[in-house]
């Protein structure tokens, strides 16, 4: 069975989010005065062949550790559709 996996990647707390600061500055200059903060991240979709959703999630986590996420400055969350 093919599982649709969603990976959400963000900078860890305490890591300067330069892109988020730039977006916040731009939105504030466009008049969005209610904005408090912006955090920019990455979103990756994977389709993984696996017997169970748990196995697909485990494989996606290994992919994050191996390549997709810089564990020093980034954190990630994985969701598997139908889980």
PDB file of N, CA and C in Angstrom:
ATOM      1  N   UNK A   1       0.846  -1.175   0.000  1.00  0.00           N
ATOM      2  CA  UNK A   1       0.000   0.000   0.000  1.00  0.00           C
ATOM      3  C   UNK A   1       0.891   1.238   0.000  1.00  0.00           C
ATOM      4  N   UNK A   2       0.483   2.253  -0.757  1.00  0.00           N
ATOM      5  CA  UNK A   2       1.227   3.506  -0.808  1.00  0.00           C
ATOM      6  C   UNK A   2       0.607   4.491   0.187  1.00  0.00           C
ATOM      7  N   UNK A   3       1.442   5.037   1.056  1.00  0.00           N
ATOM      8  CA  UNK A   3       0.994   5.999   2.068  1.00  0.00           C
ATOM      9  C   UNK A   3       1.479   7.394   1.697  1.00  0.00           C
ATOM     10  N   UNK A   4       0.578   8.365   1.811  1.00  0.00           N
ATOM     11  CA  UNK A   4       0.909   9.769   1.554  1.00  0.00           C
ATOM     12  C   UNK A   4       1.375  10.370   2.875  1.00  0.00           C
ATOM     13  N   UNK A   5       2.637  10.794   2.896  1.00  0.00           N
ATOM     14  CA  UNK A   5       3.278  11.281   4.118  1.00  0.00           C
ATOM     15  C   UNK A   5       3.578  12.767   3.963  1.00  0.00           C
ATOM     16  N   UNK A   6       3.273  13.538   5.003  1.00  0.00           N
ATOM     17  CA  UNK A   6       3.529  14.974   5.021  1.00  0.00           C
ATOM     18  C   UNK A   6       4.612  15.250   6.056  1.00  0.00           C
ATOM     19  N   UNK A   7       5.661  15.971   5.645  1.00  0.00           N
ATOM     20  CA  UNK A   7       6.756  16.317   6.539  1.00  0.00           C
ATOM     21  C   UNK A   7       6.795  17.840   6.675  1.00  0.00           C
ATOM     22  N   UNK A   8       6.702  18.323   7.899  1.00  0.00           N
ATOM     23  CA  UNK A   8       6.746  19.748   8.197  1.00  0.00           C
ATOM     24  C   UNK A   8       8.065  20.041   8.908  1.00  0.00           C
ATOM     25  N   UNK A   9       8.858  20.942   8.348  1.00  0.00           N
ATOM     26  CA  UNK A   9      10.183  21.239   8.879  1.00  0.00           C
ATOM     27  C   UNK A   9      10.242  22.714   9.258  1.00  0.00           C
ATOM     28  N   UNK A  10      10.720  22.986  10.481  1.00  0.00           N
ATOM     29  CA  UNK A  10      10.886  24.362  10.954  1.00  0.00           C
ATOM     30  C   UNK A  10      12.211  24.486  11.671  1.00  0.00           C
ATOM     31  N   UNK A  11      12.684  25.727  11.745  1.00  0.00           N
ATOM     32  CA  UNK A  11      13.874  25.985  12.534  1.00  0.00           C
ATOM     33  C   UNK A  11      13.560  25.745  14.003  1.00  0.00           C
ATOM     34  N   UNK A  12      14.543  25.256  14.731  1.00  0.00           N
ATOM     35  CA  UNK A  12      14.375  25.055  16.167  1.00  0.00           C
ATOM     36  C   UNK A  12      14.234  26.409  16.858  1.00  0.00           C
ATOM     37  N   UNK A  13      13.590  26.410  18.015  1.00  0.00           N
ATOM     38  CA  UNK A  13      13.478  27.630  18.811  1.00  0.00           C
ATOM     39  C   UNK A  13      14.883  28.132  19.126  1.00  0.00           C
ATOM     40  N   UNK A  14      15.076  29.421  19.033  1.00  0.00           N
ATOM     41  CA  UNK A  14      16.375  30.009  19.323  1.00  0.00           C
ATOM     42  C   UNK A  14      17.251  30.202  18.098  1.00  0.00           C
ATOM     43  N   UNK A  15      16.880  29.583  16.957  1.00  0.00           N
ATOM     44  CA  UNK A  15      17.639  29.769  15.723  1.00  0.00           C
ATOM     45  C   UNK A  15      17.028  30.953  14.982  1.00  0.00           C
ATOM     46  N   UNK A  16      17.868  31.909  14.591  1.00  0.00           N
ATOM     47  CA  UNK A  16      17.392  33.112  13.920  1.00  0.00           C
ATOM     48  C   UNK A  16      16.752  32.767  12.577  1.00  0.00           C
ATOM     49  N   UNK A  17      15.501  33.150  12.412  1.00  0.00           N
ATOM     50  CA  UNK A  17      14.743  32.897  11.180  1.00  0.00           C
ATOM     51  C   UNK A  17      14.769  34.177  10.343  1.00  0.00           C
ATOM     52  N   UNK A  18      15.828  34.346   9.556  1.00  0.00           N
ATOM     53  CA  UNK A  18      16.001  35.559   8.760  1.00  0.00           C
ATOM     54  C   UNK A  18      14.873  35.713   7.751  1.00  0.00           C
ATOM     55  N   UNK A  19      14.474  34.626   7.110  1.00  0.00           N
ATOM     56  CA  UNK A  19      13.393  34.691   6.127  1.00  0.00           C
ATOM     57  C   UNK A  19      12.072  35.072   6.803  1.00  0.00           C
ATOM     58  N   UNK A  20      11.814  34.505   7.968  1.00  0.00           N
ATOM     59  CA  UNK A  20      10.606  34.856   8.710  1.00  0.00           C
ATOM     60  C   UNK A  20      10.588  36.329   9.093  1.00  0.00           C
ATOM     61  N   UNK A  21      11.739  36.859   9.512  1.00  0.00           N
ATOM     62  CA  UNK A  21      11.839  38.283   9.872  1.00  0.00           C
ATOM     63  C   UNK A  21      11.569  39.159   8.651  1.00  0.00           C
ATOM     64  N   UNK A  22      12.108  38.770   7.492  1.00  0.00           N
ATOM     65  CA  UNK A  22      11.892  39.549   6.267  1.00  0.00           C
ATOM     66  C   UNK A  22      10.419  39.543   5.870  1.00  0.00           C
ATOM     67  N   UNK A  23       9.769  38.390   5.954  1.00  0.00           N
ATOM     68  CA  UNK A  23       8.346  38.300   5.623  1.00  0.00           C
ATOM     69  C   UNK A  23       7.525  39.142   6.594  1.00  0.00           C
ATOM     70  N   UNK A  24       7.842  39.054   7.890  1.00  0.00           N
ATOM     71  CA  UNK A  24       7.120  39.840   8.892  1.00  0.00           C
ATOM     72  C   UNK A  24       7.267  41.327   8.610  1.00  0.00           C
ATOM     73  N   UNK A  25       8.486  41.766   8.313  1.00  0.00           N
ATOM     74  CA  UNK A  25       8.729  43.187   8.020  1.00  0.00           C
ATOM     75  C   UNK A  25       7.900  43.642   6.814  1.00  0.00           C
ATOM     76  N   UNK A  26       7.882  42.807   5.765  1.00  0.00           N
ATOM     77  CA  UNK A  26       7.114  43.153   4.565  1.00  0.00           C
ATOM     78  C   UNK A  26       5.619  43.226   4.848  1.00  0.00           C
ATOM     79  N   UNK A  27       5.102  42.249   5.585  1.00  0.00           N
ATOM     80  CA  UNK A  27       3.668  42.254   5.899  1.00  0.00           C
ATOM     81  C   UNK A  27       3.294  43.459   6.763  1.00  0.00           C
ATOM     82  N   UNK A  28       4.128  43.786   7.731  1.00  0.00           N
ATOM     83  CA  UNK A  28       3.866  44.957   8.568  1.00  0.00           C
ATOM     84  C   UNK A  28       3.891  46.236   7.735  1.00  0.00           C
ATOM     85  N   UNK A  29       4.825  46.335   6.784  1.00  0.00           N
ATOM     86  CA  UNK A  29       4.901  47.532   5.936  1.00  0.00           C
ATOM     87  C   UNK A  29       3.717  47.620   4.976  1.00  0.00           C
ATOM     88  N   UNK A  30       3.055  46.497   4.724  1.00  0.00           N
ATOM     89  CA  UNK A  30       1.858  46.491   3.880  1.00  0.00           C
ATOM     90  C   UNK A  30       0.587  46.765   4.680  1.00  0.00           C
ATOM     91  N   UNK A  31       0.746  47.044   5.975  1.00  0.00           N
ATOM     92  CA  UNK A  31      -0.394  47.436   6.787  1.00  0.00           C
ATOM     93  C   UNK A  31      -1.014  46.342   7.625  1.00  0.00           C
ATOM     94  N   UNK A  32      -0.415  45.190   7.698  1.00  0.00           N
ATOM     95  CA  UNK A  32      -0.949  44.090   8.511  1.00  0.00           C
ATOM     96  C   UNK A  32      -0.445  44.239   9.950  1.00  0.00           C
ATOM     97  N   UNK A  33      -0.979  45.255  10.617  1.00  0.00           N
ATOM     98  CA  UNK A  33      -0.467  45.652  11.934  1.00  0.00           C
ATOM     99  C   UNK A  33      -0.792  44.661  13.051  1.00  0.00           C
ATOM    100  N   UNK A  34      -1.707  43.745  12.818  1.00  0.00           N
ATOM    101  CA  UNK A  34      -2.046  42.758  13.854  1.00  0.00           C
ATOM    102  C   UNK A  34      -1.035  41.606  13.909  1.00  0.00           C
ATOM    103  N   UNK A  35      -0.157  41.530  12.934  1.00  0.00           N
ATOM    104  CA  UNK A  35       0.833  40.450  12.875  1.00  0.00           C
ATOM    105  C   UNK A  35       1.776  40.518  14.067  1.00  0.00           C
ATOM    106  N   UNK A  36       1.967  39.392  14.726  1.00  0.00           N
ATOM    107  CA  UNK A  36       2.861  39.312  15.870  1.00  0.00           C
ATOM    108  C   UNK A  36       4.193  38.663  15.527  1.00  0.00           C
ATOM    109  N   UNK A  37       4.173  37.641  14.667  1.00  0.00           N
ATOM    110  CA  UNK A  37       5.395  36.908  14.369  1.00  0.00           C
ATOM    111  C   UNK A  37       5.189  36.039  13.133  1.00  0.00           C
ATOM    112  N   UNK A  38       6.284  35.711  12.464  1.00  0.00           N
ATOM    113  CA  UNK A  38       6.245  34.822  11.303  1.00  0.00           C
ATOM    114  C   UNK A  38       7.371  33.808  11.450  1.00  0.00           C
ATOM    115  N   UNK A  39       7.070  32.561  11.169  1.00  0.00           N
ATOM    116  CA  UNK A  39       8.080  31.507  11.150  1.00  0.00           C
ATOM    117  C   UNK A  39       7.953  30.803   9.805  1.00  0.00           C
ATOM    118  N   UNK A  40       9.019  30.766   9.034  1.00  0.00           N
ATOM    119  CA  UNK A  40       9.007  30.157   7.708  1.00  0.00           C
ATOM    120  C   UNK A  40       9.643  28.774   7.808  1.00  0.00           C
ATOM    121  N   UNK A  41       9.046  27.798   7.144  1.00  0.00           N
ATOM    122  CA  UNK A  41       9.574  26.440   7.166  1.00  0.00           C
ATOM    123  C   UNK A  41       9.449  25.787   5.812  1.00  0.00           C
ATOM    124  N   UNK A  42       9.582  24.474   5.799  1.00  0.00           N
ATOM    125  CA  UNK A  42       9.471  23.693   4.572  1.00  0.00           C
ATOM    126  C   UNK A  42       8.375  22.641   4.753  1.00  0.00           C
ATOM    127  N   UNK A  43       7.759  22.296   3.640  1.00  0.00           N
ATOM    128  CA  UNK A  43       6.739  21.256   3.624  1.00  0.00           C
ATOM    129  C   UNK A  43       7.097  20.295   2.501  1.00  0.00           C
ATOM    130  N   UNK A  44       7.232  19.021   2.831  1.00  0.00           N
ATOM    131  CA  UNK A  44       7.605  18.000   1.855  1.00  0.00           C
ATOM    132  C   UNK A  44       6.564  16.889   1.874  1.00  0.00           C
ATOM    133  N   UNK A  45       6.148  16.450   0.681  1.00  0.00           N
ATOM    134  CA  UNK A  45       5.224  15.323   0.563  1.00  0.00           C
ATOM    135  C   UNK A  45       5.992  14.117   0.049  1.00  0.00           C
ATOM    136  N   UNK A  46       5.732  12.973   0.650  1.00  0.00           N
ATOM    137  CA  UNK A  46       6.347  11.720   0.233  1.00  0.00           C
ATOM    138  C   UNK A  46       5.247  10.689   0.018  1.00  0.00           C
ATOM    139  N   UNK A  47       5.429   9.819  -0.945  1.00  0.00           N
ATOM    140  CA  UNK A  47       4.542   8.682  -1.142  1.00  0.00           C
ATOM    141  C   UNK A  47       5.407   7.449  -0.929  1.00  0.00           C
ATOM    142  N   UNK A  48       5.111   6.701   0.116  1.00  0.00           N
ATOM    143  CA  UNK A  48       5.968   5.599   0.541  1.00  0.00           C
ATOM    144  C   UNK A  48       5.203   4.281   0.489  1.00  0.00           C
ATOM    145  N   UNK A  49       5.801   3.304  -0.163  1.00  0.00           N
ATOM    146  CA  UNK A  49       5.234   1.959  -0.216  1.00  0.00           C
ATOM    147  C   UNK A  49       5.553   1.268   1.110  1.00  0.00           C
ATOM    148  N   UNK A  50       4.496   0.878   1.821  1.00  0.00           N
ATOM    149  CA  UNK A  50       4.676   0.251   3.123  1.00  0.00           C
ATOM    150  C   UNK A  50       3.400  -0.471   3.517  1.00  0.00           C
ATOM    151  N   UNK A  51       3.533  -1.526   4.308  1.00  0.00           N
ATOM    152  CA  UNK A  51       2.352  -2.281   4.732  1.00  0.00           C
ATOM    153  C   UNK A  51       1.504  -1.521   5.733  1.00  0.00           C
ATOM    154  N   UNK A  52       2.145  -0.695   6.585  1.00  0.00           N
ATOM    155  CA  UNK A  52       1.399   0.034   7.614  1.00  0.00           C
ATOM    156  C   UNK A  52       1.783   1.506   7.602  1.00  0.00           C
ATOM    157  N   UNK A  53       0.883   2.326   8.144  1.00  0.00           N
ATOM    158  CA  UNK A  53       1.166   3.751   8.281  1.00  0.00           C
ATOM    159  C   UNK A  53       2.336   3.977   9.233  1.00  0.00           C
ATOM    160  N   UNK A  54       2.419   3.171  10.283  1.00  0.00           N
ATOM    161  CA  UNK A  54       3.519   3.312  11.246  1.00  0.00           C
ATOM    162  C   UNK A  54       4.864   3.053  10.581  1.00  0.00           C
ATOM    163  N   UNK A  55       4.918   2.067   9.714  1.00  0.00           N
ATOM    164  CA  UNK A  55       6.154   1.768   8.998  1.00  0.00           C
ATOM    165  C   UNK A  55       6.511   2.898   8.030  1.00  0.00           C
ATOM    166  N   UNK A  56       5.514   3.460   7.367  1.00  0.00           N
ATOM    167  CA  UNK A  56       5.746   4.582   6.458  1.00  0.00           C
ATOM    168  C   UNK A  56       6.295   5.779   7.231  1.00  0.00           C
ATOM    169  N   UNK A  57       5.744   6.020   8.418  1.00  0.00           N
ATOM    170  CA  UNK A  57       6.210   7.125   9.258  1.00  0.00           C
ATOM    171  C   UNK A  57       7.655   6.888   9.703  1.00  0.00           C
ATOM    172  N   UNK A  58       7.967   5.663  10.045  1.00  0.00           N
ATOM    173  CA  UNK A  58       9.328   5.311  10.456  1.00  0.00           C
ATOM    174  C   UNK A  58      10.315   5.516   9.306  1.00  0.00           C
ATOM    175  N   UNK A  59       9.915   5.108   8.098  1.00  0.00           N
ATOM    176  CA  UNK A  59      10.772   5.298   6.933  1.00  0.00           C
ATOM    177  C   UNK A  59      10.970   6.787   6.628  1.00  0.00           C
ATOM    178  N   UNK A  60       9.903   7.562   6.742  1.00  0.00           N
ATOM    179  CA  UNK A  60       9.991   9.009   6.505  1.00  0.00           C
ATOM    180  C   UNK A  60      10.921   9.664   7.527  1.00  0.00           C
ATOM    181  N   UNK A  61      10.849   9.211   8.765  1.00  0.00           N
ATOM    182  CA  UNK A  61      11.727   9.742   9.801  1.00  0.00           C
ATOM    183  C   UNK A  61      13.186   9.460   9.472  1.00  0.00           C
ATOM    184  N   UNK A  62      13.466   8.270   8.974  1.00  0.00           N
ATOM    185  CA  UNK A  62      14.832   7.922   8.571  1.00  0.00           C
ATOM    186  C   UNK A  62      15.288   8.811   7.412  1.00  0.00           C
ATOM    187  N   UNK A  63      14.378   9.102   6.477  1.00  0.00           N
ATOM    188  CA  UNK A  63      14.711   9.989   5.354  1.00  0.00           C
ATOM    189  C   UNK A  63      15.029  11.391   5.848  1.00  0.00           C
ATOM    190  N   UNK A  64      14.279  11.847   6.846  1.00  0.00           N
ATOM    191  CA  UNK A  64      14.545  13.161   7.441  1.00  0.00           C
ATOM    192  C   UNK A  64      15.930  13.187   8.083  1.00  0.00           C
ATOM    193  N   UNK A  65      16.230  12.150   8.852  1.00  0.00           N
ATOM    194  CA  UNK A  65      17.537  12.066   9.512  1.00  0.00           C
ATOM    195  C   UNK A  65      18.680  11.973   8.511  1.00  0.00           C
ATOM    196  N   UNK A  66      18.467  11.254   7.402  1.00  0.00           N
ATOM    197  CA  UNK A  66      19.526  11.028   6.420  1.00  0.00           C
ATOM    198  C   UNK A  66      19.782  12.228   5.515  1.00  0.00           C
ATOM    199  N   UNK A  67      18.718  12.971   5.158  1.00  0.00           N
ATOM    200  CA  UNK A  67      18.891  14.002   4.135  1.00  0.00           C
ATOM    201  C   UNK A  67      18.017  15.248   4.290  1.00  0.00           C
ATOM    202  N   UNK A  68      16.759  15.065   4.615  1.00  0.00           N
ATOM    203  CA  UNK A  68      15.797  16.160   4.482  1.00  0.00           C
ATOM    204  C   UNK A  68      15.905  17.240   5.549  1.00  0.00           C
ATOM    205  N   UNK A  69      16.419  16.899   6.719  1.00  0.00           N
ATOM    206  CA  UNK A  69      16.429  17.834   7.854  1.00  0.00           C
ATOM    207  C   UNK A  69      17.846  18.005   8.378  1.00  0.00           C
ATOM    208  N   UNK A  70      18.210  19.257   8.636  1.00  0.00           N
ATOM    209  CA  UNK A  70      19.474  19.547   9.318  1.00  0.00           C
ATOM    210  C   UNK A  70      19.180  19.519  10.809  1.00  0.00           C
ATOM    211  N   UNK A  71      19.482  18.409  11.448  1.00  0.00           N
ATOM    212  CA  UNK A  71      19.137  18.203  12.850  1.00  0.00           C
ATOM    213  C   UNK A  71      19.756  19.188  13.814  1.00  0.00           C
ATOM    214  N   UNK A  72      20.776  19.906  13.395  1.00  0.00           N
ATOM    215  CA  UNK A  72      21.414  20.887  14.272  1.00  0.00           C
ATOM    216  C   UNK A  72      20.523  22.115  14.444  1.00  0.00           C
ATOM    217  N   UNK A  73      19.870  22.543  13.360  1.00  0.00           N
ATOM    218  CA  UNK A  73      19.079  23.779  13.433  1.00  0.00           C
ATOM    219  C   UNK A  73      17.596  23.593  13.144  1.00  0.00           C
ATOM    220  N   UNK A  74      17.195  22.398  12.674  1.00  0.00           N
ATOM    221  CA  UNK A  74      15.797  22.193  12.291  1.00  0.00           C
ATOM    222  C   UNK A  74      15.147  21.077  13.097  1.00  0.00           C
ATOM    223  N   UNK A  75      13.824  21.173  13.211  1.00  0.00           N
ATOM    224  CA  UNK A  75      13.012  20.123  13.811  1.00  0.00           C
ATOM    225  C   UNK A  75      11.927  19.756  12.805  1.00  0.00           C
ATOM    226  N   UNK A  76      11.336  18.563  12.961  1.00  0.00           N
ATOM    227  CA  UNK A  76      10.326  18.151  11.990  1.00  0.00           C
ATOM    228  C   UNK A  76       9.193  17.404  12.666  1.00  0.00           C
ATOM    229  N   UNK A  77       8.075  17.397  11.935  1.00  0.00           N
ATOM    230  CA  UNK A  77       6.876  16.668  12.366  1.00  0.00           C
ATOM    231  C   UNK A  77       6.371  15.917  11.152  1.00  0.00           C
ATOM    232  N   UNK A  78       5.954  14.670  11.354  1.00  0.00           N
ATOM    233  CA  UNK A  78       5.476  13.828  10.266  1.00  0.00           C
ATOM    234  C   UNK A  78       4.027  13.450  10.490  1.00  0.00           C
ATOM    235  N   UNK A  79       3.226  13.547   9.432  1.00  0.00           N
ATOM    236  CA  UNK A  79       1.841  13.095   9.447  1.00  0.00           C
ATOM    237  C   UNK A  79       1.634  12.142   8.282  1.00  0.00           C
ATOM    238  N   UNK A  80       0.946  11.044   8.553  1.00  0.00           N
ATOM    239  CA  UNK A  80       0.615  10.088   7.492  1.00  0.00           C
ATOM    240  C   UNK A  80      -0.901  10.147   7.300  1.00  0.00           C
ATOM    241  N   UNK A  81      -1.333  10.356   6.062  1.00  0.00           N
ATOM    242  CA  UNK A  81      -2.770  10.413   5.802  1.00  0.00           C
ATOM    243  C   UNK A  81      -3.431   9.111   6.211  1.00  0.00           C
ATOM    244  N   UNK A  82      -4.574   9.221   6.877  1.00  0.00           N
ATOM    245  CA  UNK A  82      -5.330   8.053   7.282  1.00  0.00           C
ATOM    246  C   UNK A  82      -4.841   7.418   8.578  1.00  0.00           C
ATOM    247  N   UNK A  83      -3.854   8.015   9.196  1.00  0.00           N
ATOM    248  CA  UNK A  83      -3.320   7.448  10.448  1.00  0.00           C
ATOM    249  C   UNK A  83      -4.161   7.883  11.630  1.00  0.00           C
TER     250      UNK A  83
END
